[in-house]
PDB file of N, CA and C in Angstrom:
ATOM      1  N   MET A   1     134.974 124.279 117.269  1.00  0.00           N
ATOM      2  CA  MET A   1     135.825 123.567 116.741  1.00  0.00           C
ATOM      3  C   MET A   1     137.266 124.496 116.186  1.00  0.00           C
ATOM      4  N   LYS A   2     138.123 123.859 116.848  1.00  0.00           N
ATOM      5  CA  LYS A   2     139.469 124.975 116.755  1.00  0.00           C
ATOM      6  C   LYS A   2     140.467 124.331 116.195  1.00  0.00           C
ATOM      7  N   SER A   3     140.235 122.766 116.183  1.00  0.00           N
ATOM      8  CA  SER A   3     141.511 122.026 115.284  1.00  0.00           C
ATOM      9  C   SER A   3     141.058 121.125 114.353  1.00  0.00           C
ATOM     10  N   LEU A   4     141.773 120.224 113.705  1.00  0.00           N
ATOM     11  CA  LEU A   4     141.449 119.115 112.933  1.00  0.00           C
ATOM     12  C   LEU A   4     141.266 117.692 114.036  1.00  0.00           C
ATOM     13  N   GLU A   5     141.761 118.026 115.171  1.00  0.00           N
ATOM     14  CA  GLU A   5     141.447 117.034 116.254  1.00  0.00           C
ATOM     15  C   GLU A   5     139.810 116.844 116.682  1.00  0.00           C
ATOM     16  N   ASP A   6     139.763 118.227 116.779  1.00  0.00           N
ATOM     17  CA  ASP A   6     138.496 118.293 117.535  1.00  0.00           C
ATOM     18  C   ASP A   6     137.204 118.111 116.315  1.00  0.00           C
ATOM     19  N   LEU A   7     137.685 118.045 115.015  1.00  0.00           N
ATOM     20  CA  LEU A   7     136.500 117.728 113.688  1.00  0.00           C
ATOM     21  C   LEU A   7     136.526 116.308 114.112  1.00  0.00           C
ATOM     22  N   LYS A   8     137.563 115.670 114.104  1.00  0.00           N
ATOM     23  CA  LYS A   8     137.853 113.993 114.110  1.00  0.00           C
ATOM     24  C   LYS A   8     137.329 113.243 115.142  1.00  0.00           C
ATOM     25  N   LYS A   9     136.849 114.051 116.301  1.00  0.00           N
ATOM     26  CA  LYS A   9     136.449 113.641 117.482  1.00  0.00           C
ATOM     27  C   LYS A   9     134.795 113.972 117.197  1.00  0.00           C
ATOM     28  N   VAL A  10     134.388 114.967 116.716  1.00  0.00           N
ATOM     29  CA  VAL A  10     132.840 115.144 116.324  1.00  0.00           C
ATOM     30  C   VAL A  10     132.607 113.902 115.175  1.00  0.00           C
ATOM     31  N   ARG A  11     133.203 113.660 114.222  1.00  0.00           N
ATOM     32  CA  ARG A  11     133.118 112.654 113.390  1.00  0.00           C
ATOM     33  C   ARG A  11     133.024 111.424 113.889  1.00  0.00           C
ATOM     34  N   GLU A  12     133.978 111.081 114.462  1.00  0.00           N
ATOM     35  CA  GLU A  12     133.815 109.713 115.373  1.00  0.00           C
ATOM     36  C   GLU A  12     132.573 109.595 116.401  1.00  0.00           C
ATOM     37  N   GLN A  13     132.087 110.630 117.002  1.00  0.00           N
ATOM     38  CA  GLN A  13     131.161 110.502 117.910  1.00  0.00           C
ATOM     39  C   GLN A  13     129.709 110.351 117.037  1.00  0.00           C
ATOM     40  N   ALA A  14     129.604 110.959 115.781  1.00  0.00           N
ATOM     41  CA  ALA A  14     128.362 110.777 114.791  1.00  0.00           C
ATOM     42  C   ALA A  14     128.589 109.561 114.333  1.00  0.00           C
ATOM     43  N   ARG A  15     129.760 109.170 113.915  1.00  0.00           N
ATOM     44  CA  ARG A  15     129.928 107.420 113.500  1.00  0.00           C
ATOM     45  C   ARG A  15     128.857 106.731 114.630  1.00  0.00           C
ATOM     46  N   GLN A  16     129.564 106.789 115.900  1.00  0.00           N
ATOM     47  CA  GLN A  16     128.908 105.638 116.925  1.00  0.00           C
ATOM     48  C   GLN A  16     127.448 106.020 117.401  1.00  0.00           C
ATOM     49  N   MET A  17     126.980 107.004 116.921  1.00  0.00           N
ATOM     50  CA  MET A  17     125.539 107.287 117.116  1.00  0.00           C
ATOM     51  C   MET A  17     124.784 106.950 116.017  1.00  0.00           C
ATOM     52  N   THR A  18     125.111 106.866 114.650  1.00  0.00           N
ATOM     53  CA  THR A  18     124.277 106.389 113.602  1.00  0.00           C
ATOM     54  C   THR A  18     124.656 104.921 113.391  1.00  0.00           C
ATOM     55  N   GLY A  19     125.588 104.302 114.068  1.00  0.00           N
ATOM     56  CA  GLY A  19     125.885 102.977 113.916  1.00  0.00           C
ATOM     57  C   GLY A  19     126.777 102.600 112.837  1.00  0.00           C
ATOM     58  N   LEU A  20     127.509 103.953 112.173  1.00  0.00           N
ATOM     59  CA  LEU A  20     128.536 103.845 110.963  1.00  0.00           C
ATOM     60  C   LEU A  20     129.817 103.084 111.603  1.00  0.00           C
ATOM     61  N   ARG A  21     130.123 101.837 110.779  1.00  0.00           N
ATOM     62  CA  ARG A  21     131.175 101.119 111.379  1.00  0.00           C
ATOM     63  C   ARG A  21     132.296 101.078 110.303  1.00  0.00           C
ATOM     64  N   GLY A  22     132.605 101.829 109.359  1.00  0.00           N
ATOM     65  CA  GLY A  22     133.537 101.667 108.498  1.00  0.00           C
ATOM     66  C   GLY A  22     132.777 101.145 107.149  1.00  0.00           C
ATOM     67  N   ASP A  23     133.335  99.870 106.805  1.00  0.00           N
ATOM     68  CA  ASP A  23     132.824  99.043 105.767  1.00  0.00           C
ATOM     69  C   ASP A  23     131.798  98.252 106.225  1.00  0.00           C
ATOM     70  N   GLN A  24     131.663  98.010 107.325  1.00  0.00           N
ATOM     71  CA  GLN A  24     130.654  97.011 107.642  1.00  0.00           C
ATOM     72  C   GLN A  24     129.161  97.313 107.000  1.00  0.00           C
ATOM     73  N   GLU A  25     128.769  96.401 106.453  1.00  0.00           N
ATOM     74  CA  GLU A  25     127.371  96.317 105.641  1.00  0.00           C
ATOM     75  C   GLU A  25     126.524  96.336 106.878  1.00  0.00           C
ATOM     76  N   GLN A  26     125.227  97.371 106.478  1.00  0.00           N
ATOM     77  CA  GLN A  26     124.301  97.577 107.554  1.00  0.00           C
ATOM     78  C   GLN A  26     122.754  97.167 106.973  1.00  0.00           C
ATOM     79  N   THR A  27     121.968  96.782 107.457  1.00  0.00           N
ATOM     80  CA  THR A  27     120.759  96.235 107.216  1.00  0.00           C
ATOM     81  C   THR A  27     120.133  97.854 106.947  1.00  0.00           C
ATOM     82  N   LYS A  28     119.349  97.747 105.792  1.00  0.00           N
ATOM     83  CA  LYS A  28     118.718  98.937 105.174  1.00  0.00           C
ATOM     84  C   LYS A  28     117.256  98.942 105.219  1.00  0.00           C
ATOM     85  N   ILE A  29     116.593  99.925 105.302  1.00  0.00           N
ATOM     86  CA  ILE A  29     115.399  99.693 105.142  1.00  0.00           C
ATOM     87  C   ILE A  29     114.782 101.305 104.274  1.00  0.00           C
ATOM     88  N   ILE A  30     114.037 101.045 103.154  1.00  0.00           N
ATOM     89  CA  ILE A  30     113.964 102.042 102.366  1.00  0.00           C
ATOM     90  C   ILE A  30     112.372 101.890 102.144  1.00  0.00           C
ATOM     91  N   VAL A  31     111.833 103.338 102.313  1.00  0.00           N
ATOM     92  CA  VAL A  31     110.577 103.321 102.145  1.00  0.00           C
ATOM     93  C   VAL A  31     109.798 104.412 101.015  1.00  0.00           C
ATOM     94  N   GLY A  32     108.914 103.724 100.105  1.00  0.00           N
ATOM     95  CA  GLY A  32     108.833 104.593  98.941  1.00  0.00           C
ATOM     96  C   GLY A  32     107.752 105.646  99.322  1.00  0.00           C
ATOM     97  N   MET A  33     108.219 107.025  99.231  1.00  0.00           N
ATOM     98  CA  MET A  33     108.035 108.380  99.663  1.00  0.00           C
ATOM     99  C   MET A  33     107.501 108.935  98.367  1.00  0.00           C
ATOM    100  N   GLY A  34     107.121 108.346  97.244  1.00  0.00           N
ATOM    101  CA  GLY A  34     106.589 109.483  96.132  1.00  0.00           C
ATOM    102  C   GLY A  34     105.239 109.972  96.339  1.00  0.00           C
ATOM    103  N   THR A  35     104.883 110.898  95.581  1.00  0.00           N
ATOM    104  CA  THR A  35     103.270 111.201  96.071  1.00  0.00           C
ATOM    105  C   THR A  35     102.438 110.330  96.371  1.00  0.00           C
ATOM    106  N   CYS A  36     102.087 109.042  95.214  1.00  0.00           N
ATOM    107  CA  CYS A  36     101.329 107.927  95.552  1.00  0.00           C
ATOM    108  C   CYS A  36     101.535 107.310  96.806  1.00  0.00           C
ATOM    109  N   GLY A  37     102.842 107.395  97.477  1.00  0.00           N
ATOM    110  CA  GLY A  37     103.079 106.503  98.418  1.00  0.00           C
ATOM    111  C   GLY A  37     102.601 107.457  99.952  1.00  0.00           C
ATOM    112  N   ILE A  38     102.967 108.768  99.661  1.00  0.00           N
ATOM    113  CA  ILE A  38     102.741 109.829 100.642  1.00  0.00           C
ATOM    114  C   ILE A  38     101.140 109.615 100.942  1.00  0.00           C
ATOM    115  N   ALA A  39     100.357 109.842  99.648  1.00  0.00           N
ATOM    116  CA  ALA A  39      98.535 110.019  99.774  1.00  0.00           C
ATOM    117  C   ALA A  39      98.171 108.509 100.510  1.00  0.00           C
ATOM    118  N   ALA A  40      99.020 107.201 100.087  1.00  0.00           N
ATOM    119  CA  ALA A  40      98.685 106.009 100.902  1.00  0.00           C
ATOM    120  C   ALA A  40      99.118 105.898 102.391  1.00  0.00           C
ATOM    121  N   GLY A  41      99.818 107.212 102.765  1.00  0.00           N
ATOM    122  CA  GLY A  41     100.216 106.842 104.427  1.00  0.00           C
ATOM    123  C   GLY A  41     101.699 106.603 104.589  1.00  0.00           C
ATOM    124  N   ALA A  42     102.374 106.866 103.671  1.00  0.00           N
ATOM    125  CA  ALA A  42     104.196 106.538 103.719  1.00  0.00           C
ATOM    126  C   ALA A  42     104.447 106.883 105.040  1.00  0.00           C
ATOM    127  N   ARG A  43     104.119 108.419 105.009  1.00  0.00           N
ATOM    128  CA  ARG A  43     104.923 109.287 106.343  1.00  0.00           C
ATOM    129  C   ARG A  43     104.601 108.597 107.414  1.00  0.00           C
ATOM    130  N   GLU A  44     103.301 107.961 107.757  1.00  0.00           N
ATOM    131  CA  GLU A  44     103.103 107.456 109.110  1.00  0.00           C
ATOM    132  C   GLU A  44     103.988 106.457 109.151  1.00  0.00           C
ATOM    133  N   THR A  45     103.995 105.451 108.123  1.00  0.00           N
ATOM    134  CA  THR A  45     104.652 104.201 108.147  1.00  0.00           C
ATOM    135  C   THR A  45     106.107 104.695 108.278  1.00  0.00           C
ATOM    136  N   MET A  46     106.911 105.601 107.938  1.00  0.00           N
ATOM    137  CA  MET A  46     108.252 105.930 108.397  1.00  0.00           C
ATOM    138  C   MET A  46     108.352 106.507 109.399  1.00  0.00           C
ATOM    139  N   LYS A  47     107.645 107.255 110.080  1.00  0.00           N
ATOM    140  CA  LYS A  47     107.513 107.595 111.434  1.00  0.00           C
ATOM    141  C   LYS A  47     107.392 106.579 112.255  1.00  0.00           C
ATOM    142  N   ALA A  48     106.713 105.354 112.194  1.00  0.00           N
ATOM    143  CA  ALA A  48     106.610 104.089 113.019  1.00  0.00           C
ATOM    144  C   ALA A  48     107.771 103.214 112.781  1.00  0.00           C
ATOM    145  N   ILE A  49     108.191 103.291 111.719  1.00  0.00           N
ATOM    146  CA  ILE A  49     109.737 102.605 111.574  1.00  0.00           C
ATOM    147  C   ILE A  49     110.813 103.220 112.398  1.00  0.00           C
ATOM    148  N   LEU A  50     110.969 104.561 112.343  1.00  0.00           N
ATOM    149  CA  LEU A  50     111.776 105.367 113.117  1.00  0.00           C
ATOM    150  C   LEU A  50     111.785 105.226 114.736  1.00  0.00           C
ATOM    151  N   ASP A  51     110.500 105.198 114.966  1.00  0.00           N
ATOM    152  CA  ASP A  51     109.668 105.401 116.414  1.00  0.00           C
ATOM    153  C   ASP A  51     110.082 103.734 116.973  1.00  0.00           C
ATOM    154  N   GLU A  52     110.082 102.698 116.204  1.00  0.00           N
ATOM    155  CA  GLU A  52     110.252 101.272 116.684  1.00  0.00           C
ATOM    156  C   GLU A  52     111.726 101.215 116.577  1.00  0.00           C
ATOM    157  N   LEU A  53     112.477 101.358 115.729  1.00  0.00           N
ATOM    158  CA  LEU A  53     114.118 101.220 115.617  1.00  0.00           C
ATOM    159  C   LEU A  53     114.600 101.879 117.128  1.00  0.00           C
ATOM    160  N   ASN A  54     114.052 103.224 117.188  1.00  0.00           N
ATOM    161  CA  ASN A  54     114.474 104.165 118.386  1.00  0.00           C
ATOM    162  C   ASN A  54     114.196 103.199 119.736  1.00  0.00           C
ATOM    163  N   LYS A  55     113.014 102.902 120.100  1.00  0.00           N
ATOM    164  CA  LYS A  55     112.152 102.002 120.993  1.00  0.00           C
ATOM    165  C   LYS A  55     113.465 100.796 121.163  1.00  0.00           C
ATOM    166  N   ARG A  56     113.978 100.212 120.542  1.00  0.00           N
ATOM    167  CA  ARG A  56     114.394  99.164 120.259  1.00  0.00           C
ATOM    168  C   ARG A  56     116.113  99.593 120.433  1.00  0.00           C
ATOM    169  N   ASN A  57     116.505 100.493 120.371  1.00  0.00           N
ATOM    170  CA  ASN A  57     117.786 100.829 120.143  1.00  0.00           C
ATOM    171  C   ASN A  57     118.446 100.672 119.055  1.00  0.00           C
ATOM    172  N   LEU A  58     117.931 100.112 118.044  1.00  0.00           N
ATOM    173  CA  LEU A  58     118.543  99.496 117.032  1.00  0.00           C
ATOM    174  C   LEU A  58     119.328 100.379 115.763  1.00  0.00           C
ATOM    175  N   THR A  59     120.615 100.804 116.264  1.00  0.00           N
ATOM    176  CA  THR A  59     121.320 101.673 115.461  1.00  0.00           C
ATOM    177  C   THR A  59     122.231 101.137 114.243  1.00  0.00           C
ATOM    178  N   GLU A  60     122.184  99.689 114.330  1.00  0.00           N
ATOM    179  CA  GLU A  60     122.591  99.453 112.873  1.00  0.00           C
ATOM    180  C   GLU A  60     121.841  98.840 112.045  1.00  0.00           C
ATOM    181  N   VAL A  61     121.042 100.024 111.408  1.00  0.00           N
ATOM    182  CA  VAL A  61     119.844 100.079 110.485  1.00  0.00           C
ATOM    183  C   VAL A  61     119.917 101.389 110.194  1.00  0.00           C
ATOM    184  N   THR A  62     120.085 101.406 108.365  1.00  0.00           N
ATOM    185  CA  THR A  62     119.784 102.839 107.717  1.00  0.00           C
ATOM    186  C   THR A  62     118.573 102.807 107.268  1.00  0.00           C
ATOM    187  N   ILE A  63     118.129 103.871 107.472  1.00  0.00           N
ATOM    188  CA  ILE A  63     116.667 104.031 107.012  1.00  0.00           C
ATOM    189  C   ILE A  63     116.700 105.078 106.146  1.00  0.00           C
ATOM    190  N   THR A  64     116.200 105.201 104.485  1.00  0.00           N
ATOM    191  CA  THR A  64     116.272 106.239 103.430  1.00  0.00           C
ATOM    192  C   THR A  64     114.639 106.044 102.750  1.00  0.00           C
ATOM    193  N   GLN A  65     114.606 106.938 102.032  1.00  0.00           N
ATOM    194  CA  GLN A  65     112.923 107.267 101.389  1.00  0.00           C
ATOM    195  C   GLN A  65     113.679 107.023  99.755  1.00  0.00           C
ATOM    196  N   THR A  66     112.845 106.607  99.057  1.00  0.00           N
ATOM    197  CA  THR A  66     112.854 106.647  97.428  1.00  0.00           C
ATOM    198  C   THR A  66     111.525 107.128  96.936  1.00  0.00           C
ATOM    199  N   GLY A  67     111.594 107.518  95.657  1.00  0.00           N
ATOM    200  CA  GLY A  67     110.676 107.956  95.335  1.00  0.00           C
ATOM    201  C   GLY A  67     109.584 106.936  94.463  1.00  0.00           C
ATOM    202  N   CYS A  68     108.718 107.041  93.546  1.00  0.00           N
ATOM    203  CA  CYS A  68     107.631 105.867  93.285  1.00  0.00           C
ATOM    204  C   CYS A  68     108.560 104.954  92.486  1.00  0.00           C
ATOM    205  N   LEU A  69     107.996 103.771  93.028  1.00  0.00           N
ATOM    206  CA  LEU A  69     108.908 102.480  92.579  1.00  0.00           C
ATOM    207  C   LEU A  69     107.742 101.816  91.329  1.00  0.00           C
ATOM    208  N   GLY A  70     106.569 102.427  91.116  1.00  0.00           N
ATOM    209  CA  GLY A  70     105.816 101.931  89.736  1.00  0.00           C
ATOM    210  C   GLY A  70     104.848 101.021  90.302  1.00  0.00           C
ATOM    211  N   LEU A  71     104.586 100.877  91.523  1.00  0.00           N
ATOM    212  CA  LEU A  71     103.697  99.860  92.116  1.00  0.00           C
ATOM    213  C   LEU A  71     102.697 100.557  92.826  1.00  0.00           C
ATOM    214  N   CYS A  72     101.977 101.797  92.533  1.00  0.00           N
ATOM    215  CA  CYS A  72     101.207 102.501  93.268  1.00  0.00           C
ATOM    216  C   CYS A  72     100.034 101.817  93.862  1.00  0.00           C
ATOM    217  N   GLU A  73      99.506 100.882  93.189  1.00  0.00           N
ATOM    218  CA  GLU A  73      98.669 100.258  94.109  1.00  0.00           C
ATOM    219  C   GLU A  73      98.992  99.209  95.111  1.00  0.00           C
ATOM    220  N   GLN A  74     100.122  99.302  95.298  1.00  0.00           N
ATOM    221  CA  GLN A  74     101.067  98.636  96.403  1.00  0.00           C
ATOM    222  C   GLN A  74     101.054  99.485  97.586  1.00  0.00           C
ATOM    223  N   GLU A  75     101.289 100.627  97.621  1.00  0.00           N
ATOM    224  CA  GLU A  75     101.939 101.811  98.806  1.00  0.00           C
ATOM    225  C   GLU A  75     100.992 101.963  99.873  1.00  0.00           C
ATOM    226  N   PRO A  76     101.865 101.862 100.912  1.00  0.00           N
ATOM    227  CA  PRO A  76     102.913 102.346 101.191  1.00  0.00           C
ATOM    228  C   PRO A  76     103.787 101.007 100.966  1.00  0.00           C
ATOM    229  N   ILE A  77     105.196 101.068 100.149  1.00  0.00           N
ATOM    230  CA  ILE A  77     105.856  99.999 100.019  1.00  0.00           C
ATOM    231  C   ILE A  77     107.169 100.220 100.842  1.00  0.00           C
ATOM    232  N   VAL A  78     107.866  98.958 101.517  1.00  0.00           N
ATOM    233  CA  VAL A  78     108.963  99.257 102.247  1.00  0.00           C
ATOM    234  C   VAL A  78     109.610  98.119 101.836  1.00  0.00           C
ATOM    235  N   GLU A  79     110.876  98.336 101.685  1.00  0.00           N
ATOM    236  CA  GLU A  79     111.996  97.312 101.505  1.00  0.00           C
ATOM    237  C   GLU A  79     112.932  97.081 102.543  1.00  0.00           C
ATOM    238  N   VAL A  80     113.061  96.264 102.867  1.00  0.00           N
ATOM    239  CA  VAL A  80     114.066  95.516 103.915  1.00  0.00           C
ATOM    240  C   VAL A  80     115.321  94.625 103.082  1.00  0.00           C
ATOM    241  N   GLU A  81     116.555  95.217 103.240  1.00  0.00           N
ATOM    242  CA  GLU A  81     117.827  94.824 103.066  1.00  0.00           C
ATOM    243  C   GLU A  81     118.442  94.269 104.030  1.00  0.00           C
ATOM    244  N   VAL A  82     118.646  92.729 104.111  1.00  0.00           N
ATOM    245  CA  VAL A  82     119.309  92.404 105.567  1.00  0.00           C
ATOM    246  C   VAL A  82     120.894  91.929 104.621  1.00  0.00           C
ATOM    247  N   PRO A  83     122.179  92.409 105.159  1.00  0.00           N
ATOM    248  CA  PRO A  83     123.374  91.858 104.636  1.00  0.00           C
ATOM    249  C   PRO A  83     123.365  90.232 104.112  1.00  0.00           C
ATOM    250  N   GLY A  84     123.695  89.901 103.129  1.00  0.00           N
ATOM    251  CA  GLY A  84     123.697  88.653 103.006  1.00  0.00           C
ATOM    252  C   GLY A  84     122.529  87.694 102.547  1.00  0.00           C
ATOM    253  N   GLU A  85     121.028  88.406 102.717  1.00  0.00           N
ATOM    254  CA  GLU A  85     120.117  88.061 102.277  1.00  0.00           C
ATOM    255  C   GLU A  85     119.377  88.470 101.193  1.00  0.00           C
ATOM    256  N   PRO A  86     118.331  88.254 100.628  1.00  0.00           N
ATOM    257  CA  PRO A  86     117.953  89.012  99.442  1.00  0.00           C
ATOM    258  C   PRO A  86     116.738  90.164 100.115  1.00  0.00           C
ATOM    259  N   ARG A  87     116.723  90.944  99.156  1.00  0.00           N
ATOM    260  CA  ARG A  87     116.145  92.125  99.640  1.00  0.00           C
ATOM    261  C   ARG A  87     114.618  91.804  99.485  1.00  0.00           C
ATOM    262  N   ILE A  88     113.840  91.825 100.718  1.00  0.00           N
ATOM    263  CA  ILE A  88     112.427  91.595 100.614  1.00  0.00           C
ATOM    264  C   ILE A  88     111.298  93.151 100.561  1.00  0.00           C
ATOM    265  N   ILE A  89     110.488  93.080  99.612  1.00  0.00           N
ATOM    266  CA  ILE A  89     109.767  94.164  99.261  1.00  0.00           C
ATOM    267  C   ILE A  89     108.614  93.994  99.997  1.00  0.00           C
ATOM    268  N   TYR A  90     107.963  94.683 100.887  1.00  0.00           N
ATOM    269  CA  TYR A  90     106.615  94.406 101.466  1.00  0.00           C
ATOM    270  C   TYR A  90     105.477  95.729 100.971  1.00  0.00           C
ATOM    271  N   GLY A  91     104.279  95.222 100.739  1.00  0.00           N
ATOM    272  CA  GLY A  91     103.475  96.303 100.150  1.00  0.00           C
ATOM    273  C   GLY A  91     102.053  96.719 101.098  1.00  0.00           C
ATOM    274  N   LYS A  92     101.701  97.623 100.816  1.00  0.00           N
ATOM    275  CA  LYS A  92     100.227  98.119 101.654  1.00  0.00           C
ATOM    276  C   LYS A  92     100.673  98.161 103.240  1.00  0.00           C
ATOM    277  N   ILE A  93     101.904  98.713 103.566  1.00  0.00           N
ATOM    278  CA  ILE A  93     102.405  98.506 104.806  1.00  0.00           C
ATOM    279  C   ILE A  93     101.804  99.764 105.698  1.00  0.00           C
ATOM    280  N   SER A  94     100.928  99.246 106.466  1.00  0.00           N
ATOM    281  CA  SER A  94     100.586 100.856 107.487  1.00  0.00           C
ATOM    282  C   SER A  94     101.671 100.741 108.732  1.00  0.00           C
ATOM    283  N   ALA A  95     101.389 101.762 109.387  1.00  0.00           N
ATOM    284  CA  ALA A  95     102.250 102.010 110.600  1.00  0.00           C
ATOM    285  C   ALA A  95     102.221 100.984 111.486  1.00  0.00           C
ATOM    286  N   GLU A  96     100.916 100.310 111.774  1.00  0.00           N
ATOM    287  CA  GLU A  96     101.180  99.249 112.478  1.00  0.00           C
ATOM    288  C   GLU A  96     102.030  98.075 111.980  1.00  0.00           C
ATOM    289  N   LYS A  97     101.686  97.825 110.764  1.00  0.00           N
ATOM    290  CA  LYS A  97     102.663  96.857 109.932  1.00  0.00           C
ATOM    291  C   LYS A  97     104.038  97.028 110.083  1.00  0.00           C
ATOM    292  N   ALA A  98     104.355  98.005 109.924  1.00  0.00           N
ATOM    293  CA  ALA A  98     105.916  98.520 109.873  1.00  0.00           C
ATOM    294  C   ALA A  98     106.399  98.165 111.258  1.00  0.00           C
ATOM    295  N   ARG A  99     105.891  98.474 112.444  1.00  0.00           N
ATOM    296  CA  ARG A  99     106.527  98.066 113.348  1.00  0.00           C
ATOM    297  C   ARG A  99     106.407  96.708 113.505  1.00  0.00           C
ATOM    298  N   GLN A 100     105.578  95.781 112.902  1.00  0.00           N
ATOM    299  CA  GLN A 100     105.702  94.498 113.187  1.00  0.00           C
ATOM    300  C   GLN A 100     106.564  94.054 112.422  1.00  0.00           C
ATOM    301  N   ILE A 101     106.983  94.765 111.067  1.00  0.00           N
ATOM    302  CA  ILE A 101     108.187  94.605 110.349  1.00  0.00           C
ATOM    303  C   ILE A 101     109.402  94.801 111.025  1.00  0.00           C
ATOM    304  N   VAL A 102     109.638  95.722 111.843  1.00  0.00           N
ATOM    305  CA  VAL A 102     110.996  95.723 112.474  1.00  0.00           C
ATOM    306  C   VAL A 102     110.821  94.730 113.695  1.00  0.00           C
ATOM    307  N   SER A 103     109.875  94.535 114.457  1.00  0.00           N
ATOM    308  CA  SER A 103     109.770  93.200 115.445  1.00  0.00           C
ATOM    309  C   SER A 103     110.249  91.991 114.996  1.00  0.00           C
ATOM    310  N   LYS A 104     109.282  91.476 113.949  1.00  0.00           N
ATOM    311  CA  LYS A 104     109.491  90.263 113.325  1.00  0.00           C
ATOM    312  C   LYS A 104     110.662  90.234 112.695  1.00  0.00           C
ATOM    313  N   HIS A 105     110.783  90.970 111.210  1.00  0.00           N
ATOM    314  CA  HIS A 105     111.771  90.738 110.428  1.00  0.00           C
ATOM    315  C   HIS A 105     112.940  91.056 110.959  1.00  0.00           C
ATOM    316  N   LEU A 106     113.266  92.162 111.588  1.00  0.00           N
ATOM    317  CA  LEU A 106     114.521  92.902 111.638  1.00  0.00           C
ATOM    318  C   LEU A 106     115.184  92.156 113.069  1.00  0.00           C
ATOM    319  N   VAL A 107     114.135  92.174 114.357  1.00  0.00           N
ATOM    320  CA  VAL A 107     114.413  91.716 115.163  1.00  0.00           C
ATOM    321  C   VAL A 107     114.628  89.796 115.501  1.00  0.00           C
ATOM    322  N   ASN A 108     113.730  89.641 114.737  1.00  0.00           N
ATOM    323  CA  ASN A 108     113.799  87.726 115.014  1.00  0.00           C
ATOM    324  C   ASN A 108     113.941  87.094 113.512  1.00  0.00           C
ATOM    325  N   ASN A 109     114.334  87.871 112.423  1.00  0.00           N
ATOM    326  CA  ASN A 109     114.957  87.348 111.195  1.00  0.00           C
ATOM    327  C   ASN A 109     113.469  86.353 111.107  1.00  0.00           C
ATOM    328  N   ASN A 110     112.201  86.860 110.964  1.00  0.00           N
ATOM    329  CA  ASN A 110     111.142  86.235 110.320  1.00  0.00           C
ATOM    330  C   ASN A 110     110.355  86.954 109.296  1.00  0.00           C
ATOM    331  N   ILE A 111     110.747  86.731 107.911  1.00  0.00           N
ATOM    332  CA  ILE A 111     110.054  87.557 106.953  1.00  0.00           C
ATOM    333  C   ILE A 111     108.697  87.178 107.175  1.00  0.00           C
ATOM    334  N   ILE A 112     107.564  88.080 107.081  1.00  0.00           N
ATOM    335  CA  ILE A 112     106.097  88.203 107.057  1.00  0.00           C
ATOM    336  C   ILE A 112     105.628  87.658 105.601  1.00  0.00           C
ATOM    337  N   GLY A 113     105.591  86.813 105.368  1.00  0.00           N
ATOM    338  CA  GLY A 113     105.197  86.457 104.029  1.00  0.00           C
ATOM    339  C   GLY A 113     104.019  86.868 103.425  1.00  0.00           C
ATOM    340  N   GLU A 114     102.878  87.139 104.109  1.00  0.00           N
ATOM    341  CA  GLU A 114     101.969  87.572 103.612  1.00  0.00           C
ATOM    342  C   GLU A 114     101.752  88.790 102.985  1.00  0.00           C
ATOM    343  N   TRP A 115     102.805  89.468 103.439  1.00  0.00           N
ATOM    344  CA  TRP A 115     102.772  91.035 102.888  1.00  0.00           C
ATOM    345  C   TRP A 115     103.762  91.257 101.771  1.00  0.00           C
ATOM    346  N   VAL A 116     104.465  90.116 101.669  1.00  0.00           N
ATOM    347  CA  VAL A 116     105.871  90.475 100.535  1.00  0.00           C
ATOM    348  C   VAL A 116     104.964  90.418  99.196  1.00  0.00           C
ATOM    349  N   ILE A 117     105.518  91.344  98.416  1.00  0.00           N
ATOM    350  CA  ILE A 117     105.394  91.623  96.978  1.00  0.00           C
ATOM    351  C   ILE A 117     106.123  91.350  95.944  1.00  0.00           C
ATOM    352  N   GLY A 118     107.475  91.037  96.576  1.00  0.00           N
ATOM    353  CA  GLY A 118     108.712  90.706  95.879  1.00  0.00           C
ATOM    354  C   GLY A 118     109.852  90.550  96.549  1.00  0.00           C
ATOM    355  N   ARG A 119     111.068  90.194  95.777  1.00  0.00           N
ATOM    356  CA  ARG A 119     112.303  89.591  96.328  1.00  0.00           C
ATOM    357  C   ARG A 119     113.224  90.136  95.414  1.00  0.00           C
ATOM    358  N   LYS A 120     114.544  90.825  95.895  1.00  0.00           N
ATOM    359  CA  LYS A 120     115.386  90.706  94.677  1.00  0.00           C
ATOM    360  C   LYS A 120     116.684  90.099  95.334  1.00  0.00           C
TER     361      LYS A 120
END
């Protein structure tokens, strides 16, 4: 990069690749990655979510991790927050269940009730 314009071009390309569109709200997925979550398989859950989002080319979704949520017996925990809707908290989410959350909840807007442990 040799100029401010070059930097602006790189920034705009990064925004397009990650789905950032200014102030537009995005769907968020938060995976509990405290030691209890990791011990219960949260890494595999996170990898499955990332893989499924990539397969489906879902770029308007932000995925992050958080520490322990205090519900160790429910780990791995996955929270899904769709703009304008309550946050859904899923418990005991394996890699296979994580893929189903992407396909059913995010793509088809169907909450998987039997896995829900909370709503905010």
